[in-house]
Amino acid sequence: MMQPGKKQDSEHIAEVMKALGDENRLHILSLLQKQELCVCEITALCHLSQSNVSQHLAKLRTTGLVKERRNAQWIYYSLNKNGFPLIMQILKLLPEQEEEHSELRNVKDHLECKS
């Protein structure tokens, strides 16, 4: 007999795993390990369209892997480090994105958000 909530838990875990199954979403999560970023910064670093980045972030937000913070008209995304200890261990296996964060410092003046 299935206990209440067990199916929902396994469905949520399946959704999280699906979200991690996309290379672009893993790249975004890797970037967010270092600092919070807005969509235009992620777009510049991942070389993806704004709509594509927004769709990836929506999926990550829906699963609870990322959280958002609003500052005026800009929304900043960060890694949700509280709810997924195993996922945080997996993300530590991803390559460092230090070079891309350096690239961000060089292009910040050209971004719409100028954060």
C-alpha atoms as a PDB file:
ATOM      1  CA  MET A   1       0.000   0.000   0.000  1.00  0.00           C
ATOM      2  CA  MET A   2       1.318   3.427  -0.968  1.00  0.00           C
ATOM      3  CA  GLN A   3       1.640   6.002   1.789  1.00  0.00           C
ATOM      4  CA  PRO A   4       0.294   9.511   1.178  1.00  0.00           C
ATOM      5  CA  GLY A   5       2.902  11.811  -0.306  1.00  0.00           C
ATOM      6  CA  LYS A   6       5.248   9.074  -1.535  1.00  0.00           C
ATOM      7  CA  LYS A   7       4.124   9.321  -5.172  1.00  0.00           C
ATOM      8  CA  GLN A   8       4.416  13.103  -5.080  1.00  0.00           C
ATOM      9  CA  ASP A   9       7.927  12.818  -3.632  1.00  0.00           C
ATOM     10  CA  SER A  10       9.065  10.397  -6.317  1.00  0.00           C
ATOM     11  CA  GLU A  11       7.463  12.543  -9.039  1.00  0.00           C
ATOM     12  CA  HIS A  12       9.315  15.601  -7.741  1.00  0.00           C
ATOM     13  CA  ILE A  13      12.613  13.712  -7.655  1.00  0.00           C
ATOM     14  CA  ALA A  14      11.988  12.581 -11.239  1.00  0.00           C
ATOM     15  CA  GLU A  15      11.384  16.211 -12.297  1.00  0.00           C
ATOM     16  CA  VAL A  16      14.590  17.328 -10.581  1.00  0.00           C
ATOM     17  CA  MET A  17      16.535  14.578 -12.346  1.00  0.00           C
ATOM     18  CA  LYS A  18      15.009  15.579 -15.694  1.00  0.00           C
ATOM     19  CA  ALA A  19      16.048  19.175 -15.040  1.00  0.00           C
ATOM     20  CA  LEU A  20      19.608  18.002 -14.355  1.00  0.00           C
ATOM     21  CA  GLY A  21      19.586  16.000 -17.583  1.00  0.00           C
ATOM     22  CA  ASP A  22      20.025  19.086 -19.748  1.00  0.00           C
ATOM     23  CA  GLU A  23      23.553  20.359 -20.415  1.00  0.00           C
ATOM     24  CA  ASN A  24      22.462  24.013 -20.549  1.00  0.00           C
ATOM     25  CA  ARG A  25      20.681  23.770 -17.197  1.00  0.00           C
ATOM     26  CA  LEU A  26      23.751  22.129 -15.656  1.00  0.00           C
ATOM     27  CA  HIS A  27      25.841  24.984 -17.045  1.00  0.00           C
ATOM     28  CA  ILE A  28      23.475  27.543 -15.510  1.00  0.00           C
ATOM     29  CA  LEU A  29      23.547  25.754 -12.145  1.00  0.00           C
ATOM     30  CA  SER A  30      27.328  25.650 -12.286  1.00  0.00           C
ATOM     31  CA  LEU A  31      27.441  29.416 -12.860  1.00  0.00           C
ATOM     32  CA  LEU A  32      24.999  30.038 -10.020  1.00  0.00           C
ATOM     33  CA  GLN A  33      27.212  28.121  -7.587  1.00  0.00           C
ATOM     34  CA  LYS A  34      29.568  31.101  -7.545  1.00  0.00           C
ATOM     35  CA  GLN A  35      27.121  34.020  -7.453  1.00  0.00           C
ATOM     36  CA  GLU A  36      23.587  35.100  -8.207  1.00  0.00           C
ATOM     37  CA  LEU A  37      23.020  36.284 -11.754  1.00  0.00           C
ATOM     38  CA  CYS A  38      20.259  37.922 -13.763  1.00  0.00           C
ATOM     39  CA  VAL A  39      18.938  36.598 -17.074  1.00  0.00           C
ATOM     40  CA  CYS A  40      21.026  38.980 -19.172  1.00  0.00           C
ATOM     41  CA  GLU A  41      24.219  37.871 -17.413  1.00  0.00           C
ATOM     42  CA  ILE A  42      23.375  34.192 -17.873  1.00  0.00           C
ATOM     43  CA  THR A  43      22.508  34.880 -21.510  1.00  0.00           C
ATOM     44  CA  ALA A  44      25.912  36.485 -22.069  1.00  0.00           C
ATOM     45  CA  LEU A  45      27.807  33.688 -20.332  1.00  0.00           C
ATOM     46  CA  CYS A  46      25.934  30.764 -21.893  1.00  0.00           C
ATOM     47  CA  HIS A  47      25.644  32.312 -25.352  1.00  0.00           C
ATOM     48  CA  LEU A  48      21.944  31.405 -25.463  1.00  0.00           C
ATOM     49  CA  SER A  49      18.935  33.516 -26.368  1.00  0.00           C
ATOM     50  CA  GLN A  50      17.134  35.353 -23.583  1.00  0.00           C
ATOM     51  CA  SER A  51      13.985  33.296 -24.131  1.00  0.00           C
ATOM     52  CA  ASN A  52      15.955  30.042 -23.990  1.00  0.00           C
ATOM     53  CA  VAL A  53      17.635  31.061 -20.712  1.00  0.00           C
ATOM     54  CA  SER A  54      14.271  32.125 -19.285  1.00  0.00           C
ATOM     55  CA  GLN A  55      12.763  28.727 -20.136  1.00  0.00           C
ATOM     56  CA  HIS A  56      15.664  26.901 -18.491  1.00  0.00           C
ATOM     57  CA  LEU A  57      15.396  29.096 -15.393  1.00  0.00           C
ATOM     58  CA  ALA A  58      11.638  28.492 -15.214  1.00  0.00           C
ATOM     59  CA  LYS A  59      12.252  24.736 -15.197  1.00  0.00           C
ATOM     60  CA  LEU A  60      14.950  25.072 -12.530  1.00  0.00           C
ATOM     61  CA  ARG A  61      12.734  27.355 -10.439  1.00  0.00           C
ATOM     62  CA  THR A  62       9.737  25.010 -10.736  1.00  0.00           C
ATOM     63  CA  THR A  63      11.794  22.106  -9.426  1.00  0.00           C
ATOM     64  CA  GLY A  64      13.140  24.266  -6.606  1.00  0.00           C
ATOM     65  CA  LEU A  65      16.771  24.080  -7.713  1.00  0.00           C
ATOM     66  CA  VAL A  66      17.041  27.855  -8.026  1.00  0.00           C
ATOM     67  CA  LYS A  67      15.411  30.734  -6.239  1.00  0.00           C
ATOM     68  CA  GLU A  68      14.829  34.285  -7.374  1.00  0.00           C
ATOM     69  CA  ARG A  69      15.178  37.731  -5.861  1.00  0.00           C
ATOM     70  CA  ARG A  70      13.601  40.821  -7.373  1.00  0.00           C
ATOM     71  CA  ASN A  71      15.468  44.118  -7.406  1.00  0.00           C
ATOM     72  CA  ALA A  72      13.422  46.833  -9.127  1.00  0.00           C
ATOM     73  CA  GLN A  73      12.727  45.509 -12.640  1.00  0.00           C
ATOM     74  CA  TRP A  74      15.455  42.856 -12.523  1.00  0.00           C
ATOM     75  CA  ILE A  75      15.176  39.317 -11.221  1.00  0.00           C
ATOM     76  CA  TYR A  76      18.304  37.678  -9.876  1.00  0.00           C
ATOM     77  CA  TYR A  77      18.655  33.914  -9.680  1.00  0.00           C
ATOM     78  CA  SER A  78      20.688  31.924  -7.194  1.00  0.00           C
ATOM     79  CA  LEU A  79      21.193  28.301  -6.317  1.00  0.00           C
ATOM     80  CA  ASN A  80      18.802  26.901  -3.703  1.00  0.00           C
ATOM     81  CA  LYS A  81      21.372  25.246  -1.473  1.00  0.00           C
ATOM     82  CA  ASN A  82      18.913  24.273   1.269  1.00  0.00           C
ATOM     83  CA  GLY A  83      16.658  21.642  -0.233  1.00  0.00           C
ATOM     84  CA  PHE A  84      18.974  19.407  -2.210  1.00  0.00           C
ATOM     85  CA  PRO A  85      22.111  18.244  -0.374  1.00  0.00           C
ATOM     86  CA  LEU A  86      22.763  15.395  -2.834  1.00  0.00           C
ATOM     87  CA  ILE A  87      22.355  17.730  -5.812  1.00  0.00           C
ATOM     88  CA  MET A  88      24.843  20.164  -4.250  1.00  0.00           C
ATOM     89  CA  GLN A  89      27.365  17.301  -4.084  1.00  0.00           C
ATOM     90  CA  ILE A  90      26.713  16.492  -7.752  1.00  0.00           C
ATOM     91  CA  LEU A  91      27.186  20.141  -8.753  1.00  0.00           C
ATOM     92  CA  LYS A  92      30.598  20.148  -7.071  1.00  0.00           C
ATOM     93  CA  LEU A  93      31.659  17.653  -9.746  1.00  0.00           C
ATOM     94  CA  LEU A  94      30.995  20.190 -12.521  1.00  0.00           C
ATOM     95  CA  PRO A  95      33.950  22.162 -13.869  1.00  0.00           C
ATOM     96  CA  GLU A  96      34.706  25.558 -12.344  1.00  0.00           C
ATOM     97  CA  GLN A  97      33.342  28.472 -14.332  1.00  0.00           C
ATOM     98  CA  GLU A  98      35.969  30.985 -13.191  1.00  0.00           C
ATOM     99  CA  GLU A  99      36.872  31.934 -16.775  1.00  0.00           C
ATOM    100  CA  GLU A 100      33.247  32.741 -17.548  1.00  0.00           C
ATOM    101  CA  HIS A 101      32.865  34.806 -14.393  1.00  0.00           C
ATOM    102  CA  SER A 102      35.946  36.770 -15.506  1.00  0.00           C
ATOM    103  CA  GLU A 103      34.282  37.211 -18.896  1.00  0.00           C
ATOM    104  CA  LEU A 104      31.220  38.588 -17.122  1.00  0.00           C
ATOM    105  CA  ARG A 105      33.307  41.279 -15.431  1.00  0.00           C
ATOM    106  CA  ASN A 106      34.547  42.329 -18.884  1.00  0.00           C
ATOM    107  CA  VAL A 107      31.092  42.556 -20.517  1.00  0.00           C
ATOM    108  CA  LYS A 108      29.037  43.985 -17.633  1.00  0.00           C
ATOM    109  CA  ASP A 109      29.101  47.512 -19.084  1.00  0.00           C
ATOM    110  CA  HIS A 110      27.392  46.211 -22.230  1.00  0.00           C
ATOM    111  CA  LEU A 111      24.572  44.353 -20.493  1.00  0.00           C
ATOM    112  CA  GLU A 112      21.067  45.753 -20.201  1.00  0.00           C
ATOM    113  CA  CYS A 113      20.889  45.210 -16.446  1.00  0.00           C
ATOM    114  CA  LYS A 114      24.313  46.716 -15.676  1.00  0.00           C
ATOM    115  CA  SER A 115      24.135  45.034 -12.273  1.00  0.00           C
END
